[in-house]
C-alpha atoms as a PDB file:
ATOM      1  CA  MET A   1     159.951  68.867 -38.513  1.00  0.00           C
ATOM      2  CA  GLU A   2     161.032  66.119 -36.131  1.00  0.00           C
ATOM      3  CA  GLU A   3     164.339  67.891 -35.601  1.00  0.00           C
ATOM      4  CA  TYR A   4     163.173  71.465 -35.093  1.00  0.00           C
ATOM      5  CA  ALA A   5     159.550  71.278 -33.881  1.00  0.00           C
ATOM      6  CA  PRO A   6     158.647  71.577 -30.222  1.00  0.00           C
ATOM      7  CA  GLU A   7     157.883  68.349 -28.390  1.00  0.00           C
ATOM      8  CA  THR A   8     154.175  69.218 -28.064  1.00  0.00           C
ATOM      9  CA  MET A   9     153.806  69.571 -31.835  1.00  0.00           C
ATOM     10  CA  LEU A  10     155.576  66.264 -32.368  1.00  0.00           C
ATOM     11  CA  ARG A  11     153.193  64.549 -29.926  1.00  0.00           C
ATOM     12  CA  PHE A  12     150.229  66.268 -31.586  1.00  0.00           C
ATOM     13  CA  ASN A  13     151.359  65.017 -35.023  1.00  0.00           C
ATOM     14  CA  LYS A  14     151.891  61.520 -33.616  1.00  0.00           C
ATOM     15  CA  ASN A  15     148.362  61.580 -32.143  1.00  0.00           C
ATOM     16  CA  LEU A  16     146.971  62.698 -35.497  1.00  0.00           C
ATOM     17  CA  GLU A  17     148.804  59.866 -37.244  1.00  0.00           C
ATOM     18  CA  ASN A  18     147.435  57.362 -34.718  1.00  0.00           C
ATOM     19  CA  MET A  19     143.917  58.721 -35.211  1.00  0.00           C
ATOM     20  CA  LEU A  20     144.354  58.458 -38.986  1.00  0.00           C
ATOM     21  CA  HIS A  21     145.508  54.838 -38.760  1.00  0.00           C
ATOM     22  CA  CYS A  22     142.642  53.947 -36.411  1.00  0.00           C
ATOM     23  CA  GLY A  23     140.148  55.628 -38.738  1.00  0.00           C
ATOM     24  CA  GLU A  24     141.561  53.795 -41.746  1.00  0.00           C
ATOM     25  CA  LYS A  25     141.413  50.500 -39.851  1.00  0.00           C
ATOM     26  CA  GLN A  26     137.765  51.127 -38.900  1.00  0.00           C
ATOM     27  CA  MET A  27     136.960  52.046 -42.486  1.00  0.00           C
ATOM     28  CA  ARG A  28     138.525  48.812 -43.786  1.00  0.00           C
ATOM     29  CA  LYS A  29     136.559  46.808 -41.217  1.00  0.00           C
ATOM     30  CA  LEU A  30     133.301  48.557 -42.145  1.00  0.00           C
ATOM     31  CA  ARG A  31     133.928  47.967 -45.851  1.00  0.00           C
ATOM     32  CA  GLU A  32     134.612  44.304 -45.160  1.00  0.00           C
ATOM     33  CA  ASP A  33     131.407  44.041 -43.107  1.00  0.00           C
ATOM     34  CA  LEU A  34     129.483  45.788 -45.869  1.00  0.00           C
ATOM     35  CA  MET A  35     130.822  43.384 -48.489  1.00  0.00           C
ATOM     36  CA  ASN A  36     129.820  40.439 -46.291  1.00  0.00           C
ATOM     37  CA  ILE A  37     126.319  41.859 -45.880  1.00  0.00           C
ATOM     38  CA  HIS A  38     126.000  42.371 -49.646  1.00  0.00           C
ATOM     39  CA  SER A  39     127.219  38.833 -50.264  1.00  0.00           C
ATOM     40  CA  LEU A  40     124.701  37.379 -47.812  1.00  0.00           C
ATOM     41  CA  ARG A  41     121.893  39.474 -49.302  1.00  0.00           C
ATOM     42  CA  ARG A  42     122.804  38.413 -52.826  1.00  0.00           C
ATOM     43  CA  ASP A  43     122.977  34.737 -51.834  1.00  0.00           C
ATOM     44  CA  SER A  44     119.630  35.048 -50.067  1.00  0.00           C
ATOM     45  CA  GLN A  45     118.019  36.637 -53.123  1.00  0.00           C
ATOM     46  CA  VAL A  46     119.452  33.990 -55.457  1.00  0.00           C
ATOM     47  CA  GLU A  47     118.107  31.243 -53.192  1.00  0.00           C
ATOM     48  CA  ALA A  48     114.702  32.963 -53.038  1.00  0.00           C
ATOM     49  CA  GLY A  49     114.709  33.167 -56.842  1.00  0.00           C
ATOM     50  CA  ARG A  50     115.403  29.442 -57.109  1.00  0.00           C
ATOM     51  CA  LYS A  51     112.631  28.690 -54.639  1.00  0.00           C
ATOM     52  CA  LEU A  52     110.165  30.914 -56.527  1.00  0.00           C
ATOM     53  CA  LYS A  53     111.022  29.211 -59.803  1.00  0.00           C
ATOM     54  CA  GLU A  54     110.543  25.785 -58.224  1.00  0.00           C
ATOM     55  CA  LEU A  55     107.189  26.823 -56.725  1.00  0.00           C
ATOM     56  CA  GLU A  56     106.042  28.287 -60.033  1.00  0.00           C
ATOM     57  CA  GLU A  57     106.916  25.054 -61.846  1.00  0.00           C
ATOM     58  CA  ARG A  58     105.014  23.016 -59.249  1.00  0.00           C
ATOM     59  CA  TRP A  59     102.022  25.367 -59.544  1.00  0.00           C
ATOM     60  CA  VAL A  60     101.951  25.004 -63.333  1.00  0.00           C
ATOM     61  CA  GLU A  61     102.177  21.227 -62.958  1.00  0.00           C
ATOM     62  CA  MET A  62      99.289  21.169 -60.472  1.00  0.00           C
ATOM     63  CA  VAL A  63      97.106  23.410 -62.652  1.00  0.00           C
ATOM     64  CA  THR A  64      97.817  21.155 -65.634  1.00  0.00           C
ATOM     65  CA  ASN A  65      96.941  18.039 -63.629  1.00  0.00           C
ATOM     66  CA  ASN A  66      93.767  19.719 -62.369  1.00  0.00           C
ATOM     67  CA  TYR A  67      92.735  20.511 -65.946  1.00  0.00           C
ATOM     68  CA  LYS A  68      93.410  16.908 -67.005  1.00  0.00           C
ATOM     69  CA  MET A  69      91.291  15.632 -64.101  1.00  0.00           C
ATOM     70  CA  GLU A  70      88.437  17.957 -65.081  1.00  0.00           C
ATOM     71  CA  LEU A  71      88.566  16.612 -68.641  1.00  0.00           C
ATOM     72  CA  ALA A  72      88.594  13.022 -67.359  1.00  0.00           C
ATOM     73  CA  CYS A  73      85.621  13.763 -65.073  1.00  0.00           C
ATOM     74  CA  GLY A  74      83.741  15.240 -68.023  1.00  0.00           C
ATOM     75  CA  GLU A  75      84.458  12.154 -70.116  1.00  0.00           C
ATOM     76  CA  LEU A  76      83.331   9.863 -67.283  1.00  0.00           C
ATOM     77  CA  ALA A  77      80.130  11.863 -66.866  1.00  0.00           C
ATOM     78  CA  ALA A  78      79.444  11.539 -70.596  1.00  0.00           C
ATOM     79  CA  ASP A  79      80.155   7.788 -70.464  1.00  0.00           C
ATOM     80  CA  ASN A  80      77.815   7.461 -67.465  1.00  0.00           C
ATOM     81  CA  GLU A  81      75.031   9.198 -69.378  1.00  0.00           C
ATOM     82  CA  ILE A  82      75.515   6.863 -72.332  1.00  0.00           C
ATOM     83  CA  CYS A  83      75.469   3.820 -70.046  1.00  0.00           C
ATOM     84  CA  ALA A  84      72.355   5.123 -68.262  1.00  0.00           C
ATOM     85  CA  LYS A  85      70.542   5.620 -71.599  1.00  0.00           C
ATOM     86  CA  LYS A  86      71.504   2.112 -72.701  1.00  0.00           C
ATOM     87  CA  ALA A  87      70.283   0.703 -69.389  1.00  0.00           C
ATOM     88  CA  ARG A  88      66.922   2.484 -69.776  1.00  0.00           C
ATOM     89  CA  MET A  89      66.468   1.178 -73.323  1.00  0.00           C
ATOM     90  CA  ALA A  90      67.296  -2.377 -72.451  1.00  0.00           C
END
């Protein structure tokens, strides 16, 4: 075609090739950007998962400590009643 085609057709084909290469370059750039976005999103979600797990563990620990304190308060109240009864009898 390069030998026998008119000059205008050769320029037209060259323009089409340039457009194709530019489009392919843009597509590669967009795919790269998309992969970066997915990577950042994934990293963010993994970090959020770690943080949630840490918070859940702390919450369980605090609830357990709260329960232990309630039991200790109950035992102290019972001991106080016993001491008060002994003090009244003495």
